[in-house]
């Protein structure tokens, strides 16, 4: 068997930020990733974060909803969001926003 390397540059990143005046109080990333099995990209939601003093005010929900709308505008066929096991409140938020608990994520830290 032979394994070949093919470098594809068909991933795009979009960063959404929430601001209070000039202060950035939250962020979320949408990565658009091509998949040869589909004619449209899929979206990966990553690094959704709200500053601690601004939590419990709906900012995270607004960021995620804006990210979902952006994924739709980019014609993504699906949107994936990951969260650590020890974050049940985040899981509840995602489920309340329409995400389904679909499976497991496996991770290998390379550092």
N, C-alpha and C. Protein backbone atom coordinates (compact mmCIF):
# COMPACT_ATOMS: atom_id res chain seq x y z
N UNK A 1 0.84 -1.17 0.00
CA UNK A 1 0.00 0.00 0.00
C UNK A 1 0.88 1.24 0.00
N UNK A 2 0.38 2.28 -0.65
CA UNK A 2 1.08 3.55 -0.72
C UNK A 2 0.11 4.66 -0.32
N UNK A 3 0.54 5.55 0.52
CA UNK A 3 -0.29 6.69 0.92
C UNK A 3 0.28 7.94 0.30
N UNK A 4 -0.56 8.64 -0.46
CA UNK A 4 -0.13 9.87 -1.10
C UNK A 4 -0.66 11.07 -0.35
N UNK A 5 0.05 12.16 -0.41
CA UNK A 5 -0.37 13.40 0.22
C UNK A 5 -0.87 14.36 -0.85
N UNK A 6 -2.10 14.86 -0.66
CA UNK A 6 -2.69 15.85 -1.56
C UNK A 6 -3.04 17.06 -0.70
N UNK A 7 -2.44 18.19 -0.98
CA UNK A 7 -2.71 19.41 -0.21
C UNK A 7 -3.85 20.15 -0.88
N UNK A 8 -4.93 20.36 -0.11
CA UNK A 8 -6.09 21.09 -0.62
C UNK A 8 -6.22 22.39 0.17
N UNK A 9 -6.40 23.45 -0.53
CA UNK A 9 -6.55 24.75 0.13
C UNK A 9 -7.99 25.23 0.00
N UNK A 10 -8.91 24.39 0.38
CA UNK A 10 -10.32 24.74 0.23
C UNK A 10 -11.03 24.81 1.58
N UNK A 11 -10.37 25.45 2.54
CA UNK A 11 -10.96 25.71 3.84
C UNK A 11 -10.93 27.22 4.06
N UNK A 12 -12.00 27.74 4.58
CA UNK A 12 -12.12 29.17 4.83
C UNK A 12 -12.55 29.38 6.27
N UNK A 13 -12.05 30.42 6.90
CA UNK A 13 -12.42 30.73 8.28
C UNK A 13 -13.14 32.07 8.32
N UNK A 14 -14.22 32.11 9.09
CA UNK A 14 -14.96 33.35 9.32
C UNK A 14 -15.05 33.53 10.83
N UNK A 15 -14.63 34.68 11.32
CA UNK A 15 -14.69 34.98 12.75
C UNK A 15 -15.82 35.98 12.99
N UNK A 16 -16.70 35.64 13.91
CA UNK A 16 -17.75 36.55 14.34
C UNK A 16 -17.38 37.07 15.73
N UNK A 17 -17.58 38.36 15.95
CA UNK A 17 -17.27 38.92 17.26
C UNK A 17 -18.48 39.69 17.78
N UNK A 18 -18.63 39.67 19.10
CA UNK A 18 -19.64 40.47 19.79
C UNK A 18 -18.88 41.59 20.51
N UNK A 19 -19.40 42.80 20.41
CA UNK A 19 -18.73 43.94 21.01
C UNK A 19 -19.68 44.72 21.91
N UNK A 20 -19.12 45.27 22.96
CA UNK A 20 -19.79 46.23 23.83
C UNK A 20 -19.00 47.52 23.67
N UNK A 21 -19.51 48.42 22.85
CA UNK A 21 -18.71 49.59 22.49
C UNK A 21 -17.54 49.13 21.64
N UNK A 22 -16.33 49.44 22.07
CA UNK A 22 -15.14 49.01 21.35
C UNK A 22 -14.53 47.73 21.92
N UNK A 23 -15.11 47.23 23.00
CA UNK A 23 -14.56 46.04 23.68
C UNK A 23 -15.15 44.77 23.08
N UNK A 24 -14.27 43.86 22.69
CA UNK A 24 -14.72 42.54 22.22
C UNK A 24 -15.08 41.70 23.43
N UNK A 25 -16.33 41.25 23.46
CA UNK A 25 -16.82 40.50 24.62
C UNK A 25 -17.15 39.04 24.28
N UNK A 26 -17.08 38.69 23.01
CA UNK A 26 -17.36 37.31 22.61
C UNK A 26 -16.88 37.05 21.20
N UNK A 27 -16.75 35.77 20.88
CA UNK A 27 -16.30 35.38 19.54
C UNK A 27 -16.79 33.99 19.22
N UNK A 28 -16.80 33.70 17.94
CA UNK A 28 -17.10 32.36 17.45
C UNK A 28 -16.49 32.24 16.06
N UNK A 29 -15.98 31.08 15.74
CA UNK A 29 -15.40 30.84 14.42
C UNK A 29 -16.25 29.85 13.64
N UNK A 30 -16.37 30.10 12.37
CA UNK A 30 -16.99 29.18 11.43
C UNK A 30 -15.94 28.80 10.41
N UNK A 31 -15.63 27.53 10.34
CA UNK A 31 -14.70 27.02 9.33
C UNK A 31 -15.52 26.32 8.26
N UNK A 32 -15.33 26.71 7.03
CA UNK A 32 -15.99 26.09 5.89
C UNK A 32 -15.02 25.09 5.29
N UNK A 33 -15.45 23.83 5.24
CA UNK A 33 -14.56 22.76 4.83
C UNK A 33 -15.18 21.98 3.69
N UNK A 34 -14.44 21.86 2.61
CA UNK A 34 -14.91 21.11 1.45
C UNK A 34 -14.81 19.61 1.74
N UNK A 35 -15.72 18.87 1.13
CA UNK A 35 -15.74 17.43 1.26
C UNK A 35 -16.04 16.87 -0.12
N UNK A 36 -15.17 16.03 -0.63
CA UNK A 36 -15.34 15.50 -1.99
C UNK A 36 -16.64 14.71 -2.16
N UNK A 37 -17.27 14.29 -1.09
CA UNK A 37 -18.51 13.53 -1.19
C UNK A 37 -19.73 14.42 -1.39
N UNK A 38 -19.56 15.73 -1.24
CA UNK A 38 -20.68 16.67 -1.35
C UNK A 38 -20.28 17.84 -2.24
N UNK A 39 -21.27 18.45 -2.85
CA UNK A 39 -20.97 19.60 -3.70
C UNK A 39 -21.01 20.92 -2.92
N UNK A 40 -21.29 20.83 -1.63
CA UNK A 40 -21.30 22.01 -0.77
C UNK A 40 -20.40 21.75 0.43
N UNK A 41 -19.89 22.81 1.06
CA UNK A 41 -19.03 22.61 2.24
C UNK A 41 -19.84 22.27 3.47
N UNK A 42 -19.16 21.79 4.49
CA UNK A 42 -19.79 21.70 5.80
C UNK A 42 -19.14 22.74 6.70
N UNK A 43 -19.84 23.10 7.76
CA UNK A 43 -19.33 24.10 8.68
C UNK A 43 -18.88 23.48 9.98
N UNK A 44 -17.80 23.98 10.51
CA UNK A 44 -17.32 23.59 11.83
C UNK A 44 -17.36 24.82 12.72
N UNK A 45 -18.17 24.75 13.77
CA UNK A 45 -18.28 25.83 14.74
C UNK A 45 -17.21 25.59 15.80
N UNK A 46 -16.38 26.59 16.04
CA UNK A 46 -15.24 26.40 16.93
C UNK A 46 -15.02 27.65 17.78
N UNK A 47 -14.52 27.45 18.97
CA UNK A 47 -14.07 28.53 19.84
C UNK A 47 -15.16 29.56 20.12
N UNK A 48 -16.35 29.08 20.48
CA UNK A 48 -17.42 29.98 20.91
C UNK A 48 -17.08 30.40 22.34
N UNK A 49 -16.96 31.69 22.55
CA UNK A 49 -16.52 32.19 23.87
C UNK A 49 -17.16 33.53 24.16
N UNK A 50 -17.61 33.70 25.40
CA UNK A 50 -18.11 34.98 25.90
C UNK A 50 -17.34 35.30 27.17
N UNK A 51 -16.88 36.54 27.29
CA UNK A 51 -16.16 36.96 28.49
C UNK A 51 -17.02 36.69 29.73
N UNK A 52 -16.42 36.21 30.82
CA UNK A 52 -17.18 35.82 32.01
C UNK A 52 -18.15 36.88 32.53
N UNK A 53 -17.77 38.13 32.52
CA UNK A 53 -18.65 39.18 33.05
C UNK A 53 -19.88 39.42 32.16
N UNK A 54 -19.89 38.88 30.95
CA UNK A 54 -20.99 39.11 30.01
C UNK A 54 -21.84 37.86 29.79
N UNK A 55 -21.55 36.81 30.52
CA UNK A 55 -22.32 35.58 30.36
C UNK A 55 -23.69 35.71 31.00
N UNK A 56 -24.60 34.84 30.59
CA UNK A 56 -25.99 34.79 31.09
C UNK A 56 -26.83 35.98 30.60
N UNK A 57 -26.41 36.58 29.47
CA UNK A 57 -27.16 37.70 28.88
C UNK A 57 -27.58 37.42 27.45
N UNK A 58 -27.44 36.16 27.01
CA UNK A 58 -27.86 35.80 25.66
C UNK A 58 -26.84 36.06 24.56
N UNK A 59 -25.66 36.49 24.93
CA UNK A 59 -24.64 36.81 23.92
C UNK A 59 -24.17 35.55 23.21
N UNK A 60 -23.96 34.47 23.96
CA UNK A 60 -23.56 33.21 23.34
C UNK A 60 -24.61 32.72 22.36
N UNK A 61 -25.87 32.81 22.74
CA UNK A 61 -26.96 32.41 21.84
C UNK A 61 -26.96 33.26 20.58
N UNK A 62 -26.76 34.56 20.74
CA UNK A 62 -26.73 35.44 19.57
C UNK A 62 -25.56 35.10 18.65
N UNK A 63 -24.41 34.82 19.23
CA UNK A 63 -23.25 34.44 18.41
C UNK A 63 -23.50 33.14 17.65
N UNK A 64 -24.04 32.13 18.35
CA UNK A 64 -24.29 30.85 17.70
C UNK A 64 -25.36 31.01 16.63
N UNK A 65 -26.42 31.76 16.91
CA UNK A 65 -27.45 31.97 15.90
C UNK A 65 -26.90 32.70 14.68
N UNK A 66 -26.03 33.69 14.90
CA UNK A 66 -25.41 34.39 13.78
C UNK A 66 -24.51 33.45 12.99
N UNK A 67 -23.83 32.56 13.69
CA UNK A 67 -22.97 31.59 13.02
C UNK A 67 -23.79 30.61 12.19
N UNK A 68 -24.92 30.17 12.72
CA UNK A 68 -25.82 29.28 11.97
C UNK A 68 -26.31 29.98 10.70
N UNK A 69 -26.70 31.23 10.83
CA UNK A 69 -27.16 31.98 9.66
C UNK A 69 -26.05 32.14 8.63
N UNK A 70 -24.84 32.37 9.09
CA UNK A 70 -23.71 32.49 8.17
C UNK A 70 -23.44 31.16 7.47
N UNK A 71 -23.53 30.05 8.21
CA UNK A 71 -23.34 28.73 7.60
C UNK A 71 -24.39 28.48 6.53
N UNK A 72 -25.63 28.88 6.80
CA UNK A 72 -26.68 28.75 5.79
C UNK A 72 -26.39 29.63 4.58
N UNK A 73 -25.94 30.86 4.82
CA UNK A 73 -25.62 31.77 3.71
C UNK A 73 -24.47 31.23 2.87
N UNK A 74 -23.58 30.48 3.50
CA UNK A 74 -22.44 29.88 2.79
C UNK A 74 -22.80 28.54 2.15
N UNK A 75 -24.09 28.16 2.26
CA UNK A 75 -24.62 26.93 1.65
C UNK A 75 -24.05 25.66 2.24
N UNK A 76 -23.71 25.68 3.54
CA UNK A 76 -23.22 24.47 4.21
C UNK A 76 -24.33 23.43 4.26
N UNK A 77 -23.97 22.17 4.07
CA UNK A 77 -24.97 21.10 4.15
C UNK A 77 -25.15 20.61 5.58
N UNK A 78 -24.19 20.91 6.47
CA UNK A 78 -24.32 20.59 7.89
C UNK A 78 -23.40 21.51 8.67
N UNK A 79 -23.67 21.60 9.96
CA UNK A 79 -22.85 22.38 10.87
C UNK A 79 -22.53 21.52 12.07
N UNK A 80 -21.26 21.42 12.39
CA UNK A 80 -20.79 20.61 13.51
C UNK A 80 -20.28 21.53 14.60
N UNK A 81 -20.65 21.25 15.82
CA UNK A 81 -20.11 21.97 16.97
C UNK A 81 -19.56 20.97 17.97
N UNK A 82 -18.43 21.25 18.52
CA UNK A 82 -17.80 20.36 19.50
C UNK A 82 -17.77 21.04 20.86
N UNK A 83 -17.81 20.24 21.90
CA UNK A 83 -17.75 20.76 23.26
C UNK A 83 -17.19 19.68 24.17
N UNK A 84 -16.43 20.10 25.14
CA UNK A 84 -15.85 19.14 26.09
C UNK A 84 -16.94 18.52 26.96
N UNK A 85 -16.71 17.29 27.41
CA UNK A 85 -17.67 16.56 28.23
C UNK A 85 -18.06 17.31 29.50
N UNK A 86 -17.13 18.05 30.07
CA UNK A 86 -17.40 18.71 31.35
C UNK A 86 -18.12 20.06 31.20
N UNK A 87 -18.78 20.29 30.07
CA UNK A 87 -19.49 21.56 29.83
C UNK A 87 -20.98 21.34 29.60
N UNK A 88 -21.71 20.76 30.57
CA UNK A 88 -23.13 20.45 30.36
C UNK A 88 -24.00 21.67 30.06
N UNK A 89 -23.67 22.84 30.61
CA UNK A 89 -24.46 24.03 30.33
C UNK A 89 -24.30 24.46 28.87
N UNK A 90 -23.12 24.29 28.33
CA UNK A 90 -22.89 24.59 26.91
C UNK A 90 -23.67 23.60 26.05
N UNK A 91 -23.68 22.34 26.44
CA UNK A 91 -24.43 21.31 25.70
C UNK A 91 -25.92 21.66 25.70
N UNK A 92 -26.42 22.08 26.85
CA UNK A 92 -27.83 22.46 26.95
C UNK A 92 -28.13 23.65 26.03
N UNK A 93 -27.24 24.63 26.02
CA UNK A 93 -27.41 25.79 25.14
C UNK A 93 -27.48 25.35 23.68
N UNK A 94 -26.54 24.51 23.25
CA UNK A 94 -26.52 24.06 21.86
C UNK A 94 -27.80 23.30 21.52
N UNK A 95 -28.25 22.43 22.42
CA UNK A 95 -29.47 21.68 22.16
C UNK A 95 -30.68 22.60 22.10
N UNK A 96 -30.72 23.61 22.96
CA UNK A 96 -31.82 24.58 22.92
C UNK A 96 -31.83 25.38 21.63
N UNK A 97 -30.68 25.50 20.99
CA UNK A 97 -30.57 26.24 19.73
C UNK A 97 -30.77 25.34 18.50
N UNK A 98 -31.09 24.05 18.73
CA UNK A 98 -31.43 23.17 17.63
C UNK A 98 -30.39 22.13 17.26
N UNK A 99 -29.25 22.11 17.93
CA UNK A 99 -28.25 21.09 17.66
C UNK A 99 -28.67 19.79 18.32
N UNK A 100 -28.24 18.67 17.75
CA UNK A 100 -28.51 17.35 18.31
C UNK A 100 -27.21 16.74 18.80
N UNK A 101 -27.29 16.02 19.90
CA UNK A 101 -26.14 15.27 20.39
C UNK A 101 -25.99 14.08 19.45
N UNK A 102 -25.01 14.13 18.58
CA UNK A 102 -24.93 13.20 17.47
C UNK A 102 -23.91 12.09 17.67
N UNK A 103 -22.99 12.24 18.59
CA UNK A 103 -21.99 11.19 18.75
C UNK A 103 -20.85 11.64 19.62
N UNK A 104 -19.72 11.07 19.40
CA UNK A 104 -18.53 11.37 20.18
C UNK A 104 -17.48 12.04 19.31
N UNK A 105 -16.67 12.83 19.95
CA UNK A 105 -15.51 13.42 19.30
C UNK A 105 -14.29 12.78 19.96
N UNK A 106 -13.36 12.33 19.16
CA UNK A 106 -12.13 11.77 19.68
C UNK A 106 -11.00 12.74 19.38
N UNK A 107 -10.11 12.89 20.33
CA UNK A 107 -9.09 13.91 20.23
C UNK A 107 -7.74 13.34 20.62
N UNK A 108 -6.72 13.81 19.93
CA UNK A 108 -5.33 13.47 20.28
C UNK A 108 -4.57 14.78 20.32
N UNK A 109 -4.10 15.19 21.48
CA UNK A 109 -3.28 16.39 21.58
C UNK A 109 -1.88 16.07 21.05
N UNK A 110 -1.37 16.92 20.19
CA UNK A 110 -0.10 16.64 19.52
C UNK A 110 1.06 17.47 20.07
N UNK A 111 0.87 18.07 21.19
CA UNK A 111 1.94 18.86 21.79
C UNK A 111 2.51 18.16 22.99
